[in-house]
Protein backbone atom coordinates (compact mmCIF):
# COMPACT_ATOMS: atom_id res chain seq x y z
CA MET A 1 -25.48 31.59 -22.48
CA ASN A 2 -28.71 29.91 -23.78
CA LEU A 3 -30.77 28.98 -20.70
CA MET A 4 -32.85 26.41 -22.58
CA THR A 5 -29.96 24.27 -23.36
CA THR A 6 -27.71 24.60 -20.18
CA PRO A 7 -27.60 21.44 -17.77
CA TRP A 8 -26.84 23.84 -14.91
CA LEU A 9 -30.58 24.13 -14.19
CA LYS A 10 -31.07 20.44 -13.88
CA GLU A 11 -28.04 20.50 -11.49
CA VAL A 12 -29.58 23.44 -9.38
CA LEU A 13 -32.69 21.51 -9.34
CA ARG A 14 -30.93 18.29 -8.05
CA ILE A 15 -28.90 19.87 -5.26
CA LEU A 16 -31.68 22.27 -4.16
CA LYS A 17 -33.16 21.43 -0.80
CA ARG A 18 -36.97 20.58 -0.78
CA ASP A 19 -37.69 24.04 0.74
CA GLY A 20 -34.91 25.72 -0.99
CA ILE A 21 -35.42 28.57 -3.57
CA LEU A 22 -33.66 29.89 -6.56
CA ALA A 23 -33.50 33.78 -7.30
CA VAL A 24 -32.71 34.79 -10.73
CA VAL A 25 -31.78 38.41 -11.50
CA ASP A 26 -31.49 39.49 -15.12
CA TRP A 27 -31.64 42.60 -17.39
CA LYS A 28 -35.08 43.71 -18.42
CA LYS A 29 -35.74 43.02 -22.17
CA GLU A 30 -35.81 46.70 -23.06
CA GLU A 31 -33.10 49.40 -24.12
CA THR A 32 -31.08 50.50 -21.03
CA PRO A 33 -27.98 52.91 -20.77
CA MET A 34 -25.93 49.84 -19.93
CA GLY A 35 -26.04 45.95 -20.27
CA PRO A 36 -26.11 43.43 -22.86
CA PRO A 37 -27.72 44.12 -26.28
CA VAL A 38 -31.82 43.63 -26.02
CA GLU A 39 -31.71 40.71 -28.46
CA HIS A 40 -29.34 38.89 -26.05
CA ARG A 41 -31.76 39.37 -23.03
CA PHE A 42 -34.63 37.21 -21.90
CA SER A 43 -38.19 38.52 -20.72
CA GLU A 44 -39.43 37.79 -17.33
CA LEU A 45 -42.04 35.55 -19.10
CA ASP A 46 -39.28 33.63 -21.05
CA VAL A 47 -37.31 33.15 -17.80
CA THR A 48 -40.37 31.85 -15.80
CA GLU A 49 -41.09 29.45 -18.72
CA ILE A 50 -37.61 28.08 -18.90
CA LEU A 51 -37.59 27.43 -15.18
CA ARG A 52 -41.08 25.75 -15.34
CA LEU A 53 -39.87 23.45 -18.16
CA ASN A 54 -36.85 22.59 -15.90
CA GLY A 55 -38.77 21.55 -12.83
CA PHE A 56 -39.22 24.94 -10.90
CA SER A 57 -42.40 26.72 -9.79
CA GLN A 58 -42.52 30.47 -9.75
CA VAL A 59 -42.86 31.99 -6.43
CA GLU A 60 -42.49 35.67 -7.15
CA THR A 61 -41.52 38.23 -9.77
CA ARG A 62 -40.61 41.66 -9.04
CA GLU A 63 -38.62 44.65 -10.29
CA ALA A 64 -34.95 44.84 -8.88
CA GLY A 65 -33.92 48.41 -9.84
CA PRO A 66 -34.53 50.31 -12.98
CA TYR A 67 -32.84 47.91 -15.29
CA HIS A 68 -33.27 44.49 -13.77
CA TYR A 69 -36.09 42.03 -12.70
CA LEU A 70 -36.11 39.32 -10.08
CA VAL A 71 -37.77 35.86 -10.38
CA VAL A 72 -37.75 33.63 -7.31
CA CYS A 73 -38.85 30.12 -7.65
CA SER A 74 -38.78 26.78 -5.84
CA ARG A 75 -38.87 23.08 -6.81
CA GLN A 76 -42.22 22.04 -8.26
CA PRO A 77 -43.97 19.81 -5.80
CA GLU A 78 -43.26 16.12 -6.32
CA ARG A 79 -46.02 13.93 -7.93
CA PRO A 80 -47.07 11.02 -6.03
CA GLU A 81 -46.00 7.74 -7.63
CA ALA A 82 -48.85 6.07 -9.75
CA LEU A 83 -50.22 2.95 -8.08
């Protein structure tokens, strides 16, 4: 799945409540004894940038075990309408 081109992130943003959060757990972009090939993985920085470009603000990033990381984000604050 290519996160950059999937419309599901826009749908998540659309249905996420103003105070809601999105949590993404993914494989670290390094060799591990299991999981997808490294070239099919996204780095934490890649994921946070993809989320930012799709309307999310990063809240927190942390390790989620020896082979995974967690990115928690929320909706970007809405900008006031121009007068």
